[in-house]
């Protein structure tokens, strides 16, 4: 098992794949993370907007310097200001994060992202998790 961690920033690196959005990862994983949204839902509740999203992703880059490609299935949950539904603006996110189930030929794992939407360098997305070859 290999532990992974690092940071990422919004990028247009997935535009050639027609990704809904993409980020450039640095750290244990370095490369392009392209996201393809399958479904989303937004509900007004308790004075906030709760947004959930599911889909798939493709990573193309390096794992600790070695070329690697893999796919994920993900679930994102974010909290936005009241009245943000049906489609909240990304920059209005108060807090959020996502879980990614990694699958590839001979590779499985889980990676979690934590959205940093305020402060220096925002937005950026810290990640951590583990990958196993099998």
Protein backbone atom coordinates (compact mmCIF):
# COMPACT_ATOMS: atom_id res chain seq x y z
CA UNK A 1 0.00 0.00 0.00
CA UNK A 2 1.23 3.49 -0.89
CA UNK A 3 0.06 6.57 1.00
CA UNK A 4 -0.50 9.62 -1.18
CA UNK A 5 -0.95 13.28 -0.32
CA UNK A 6 -0.55 16.68 -1.85
CA UNK A 7 -2.40 19.69 -3.14
CA UNK A 8 -4.11 20.74 -6.36
CA UNK A 9 -5.31 23.83 -8.19
CA UNK A 10 -7.97 24.45 -10.85
CA UNK A 11 -6.61 23.88 -14.35
CA UNK A 12 -7.78 23.52 -17.95
CA UNK A 13 -5.64 20.36 -18.33
CA UNK A 14 -8.74 18.20 -18.99
CA UNK A 15 -10.17 20.38 -21.77
CA UNK A 16 -8.95 18.06 -24.55
CA UNK A 17 -10.99 15.25 -22.93
CA UNK A 18 -14.02 17.57 -22.68
CA UNK A 19 -13.99 17.27 -18.87
CA UNK A 20 -16.59 19.24 -16.90
CA UNK A 21 -13.68 20.55 -14.86
CA UNK A 22 -10.12 19.58 -14.03
CA UNK A 23 -7.34 20.17 -11.54
CA UNK A 24 -3.56 19.89 -11.64
CA UNK A 25 -2.18 17.76 -8.79
CA UNK A 26 1.19 18.15 -7.08
CA UNK A 27 2.73 16.01 -4.35
CA UNK A 28 2.73 12.19 -4.39
CA UNK A 29 0.51 12.36 -7.47
CA UNK A 30 1.51 14.87 -10.16
CA UNK A 31 -0.62 15.39 -13.25
CA UNK A 32 -4.09 16.08 -14.57
CA UNK A 33 -7.29 15.02 -12.76
CA UNK A 34 -10.24 15.33 -15.19
CA UNK A 35 -13.82 15.23 -13.84
CA UNK A 36 -16.98 14.14 -15.66
CA UNK A 37 -20.21 14.84 -13.76
CA UNK A 38 -22.91 12.15 -14.03
CA UNK A 39 -25.55 13.57 -11.69
CA UNK A 40 -26.04 16.34 -9.14
CA UNK A 41 -28.69 17.44 -6.68
CA UNK A 42 -29.15 20.63 -4.69
CA UNK A 43 -31.52 21.09 -1.76
CA UNK A 44 -32.30 24.10 0.40
CA UNK A 45 -32.18 23.03 4.05
CA UNK A 46 -31.52 24.55 7.47
CA UNK A 47 -30.52 27.94 6.06
CA UNK A 48 -27.98 26.58 3.57
CA UNK A 49 -27.88 24.90 0.18
CA UNK A 50 -26.66 21.29 0.23
CA UNK A 51 -25.14 20.20 -3.07
CA UNK A 52 -24.22 16.59 -3.88
CA UNK A 53 -22.60 15.33 -7.05
CA UNK A 54 -21.49 11.95 -8.42
CA UNK A 55 -19.44 11.06 -11.45
CA UNK A 56 -16.22 9.63 -12.76
CA UNK A 57 -12.70 10.94 -13.16
CA UNK A 58 -9.52 10.15 -15.01
CA UNK A 59 -6.03 10.77 -13.64
CA UNK A 60 -3.07 10.88 -16.02
CA UNK A 61 0.30 11.66 -14.51
CA UNK A 62 2.87 10.26 -12.12
CA UNK A 63 2.83 8.47 -8.79
CA UNK A 64 6.09 9.33 -7.01
CA UNK A 65 7.76 9.86 -10.41
CA UNK A 66 6.37 6.73 -12.15
CA UNK A 67 3.84 7.14 -15.00
CA UNK A 68 0.32 6.10 -13.98
CA UNK A 69 -3.27 6.34 -15.23
CA UNK A 70 -6.42 5.42 -13.34
CA UNK A 71 -10.15 6.10 -13.12
CA UNK A 72 -12.27 6.95 -10.09
CA UNK A 73 -15.92 7.03 -9.13
CA UNK A 74 -16.56 9.97 -6.80
CA UNK A 75 -19.10 11.55 -4.50
CA UNK A 76 -18.87 15.27 -3.65
CA UNK A 77 -20.80 17.08 -0.93
CA UNK A 78 -20.69 20.87 -0.48
CA UNK A 79 -22.45 23.51 1.59
CA UNK A 80 -23.34 26.83 -0.10
CA UNK A 81 -25.21 29.97 0.99
CA UNK A 82 -28.99 29.76 1.18
CA UNK A 83 -30.58 30.37 -2.22
CA UNK A 84 -27.70 28.85 -4.25
CA UNK A 85 -29.75 26.00 -5.75
CA UNK A 86 -30.24 24.63 -8.34
CA UNK A 87 -26.62 25.10 -9.52
CA UNK A 88 -24.36 26.81 -6.96
CA UNK A 89 -21.39 28.87 -8.17
CA UNK A 90 -18.15 27.05 -7.25
CA UNK A 91 -16.60 30.18 -5.74
CA UNK A 92 -19.49 30.44 -3.24
CA UNK A 93 -18.70 27.10 -1.59
CA UNK A 94 -18.50 27.40 2.20
CA UNK A 95 -17.15 23.92 2.89
CA UNK A 96 -16.96 20.69 0.93
CA UNK A 97 -15.02 17.63 -0.01
CA UNK A 98 -15.19 14.39 -1.91
CA UNK A 99 -14.29 10.72 -1.79
CA UNK A 100 -12.81 8.91 -4.79
CA UNK A 101 -12.80 5.14 -5.28
CA UNK A 102 -9.82 4.35 -7.49
CA UNK A 103 -9.89 1.50 -9.99
CA UNK A 104 -7.39 0.50 -12.64
CA UNK A 105 -5.78 -2.65 -13.96
CA UNK A 106 -3.93 -3.88 -10.87
CA UNK A 107 -4.64 -0.78 -8.75
CA UNK A 108 -7.30 0.00 -6.13
CA UNK A 109 -7.60 2.65 -3.47
CA UNK A 110 -9.37 5.60 -1.93
CA UNK A 111 -8.43 9.28 -2.15
CA UNK A 112 -10.19 12.10 -0.30
CA UNK A 113 -10.10 15.77 -1.27
CA UNK A 114 -10.69 18.67 1.14
CA UNK A 115 -11.69 21.98 -0.44
CA UNK A 116 -9.84 25.09 0.77
CA UNK A 117 -12.00 27.97 -0.42
CA UNK A 118 -10.70 30.85 1.73
CA UNK A 119 -7.28 32.26 2.53
CA UNK A 120 -3.98 32.41 0.74
CA UNK A 121 -3.85 30.49 -2.53
CA UNK A 122 -7.58 29.67 -2.52
CA UNK A 123 -9.12 27.82 -4.09
CA UNK A 124 -7.01 24.70 -3.76
CA UNK A 125 -7.80 21.13 -2.86
CA UNK A 126 -5.67 19.14 -0.42
CA UNK A 127 -5.79 15.38 -0.99
CA UNK A 128 -4.78 12.28 0.94
CA UNK A 129 -5.38 8.57 0.66
CA UNK A 130 -3.87 5.23 -0.24
CA UNK A 131 -3.35 3.13 -3.35
CA UNK A 132 -2.61 -0.61 -3.52
CA UNK A 133 -1.26 -2.63 -6.40
CA UNK A 134 -2.77 -6.06 -6.64
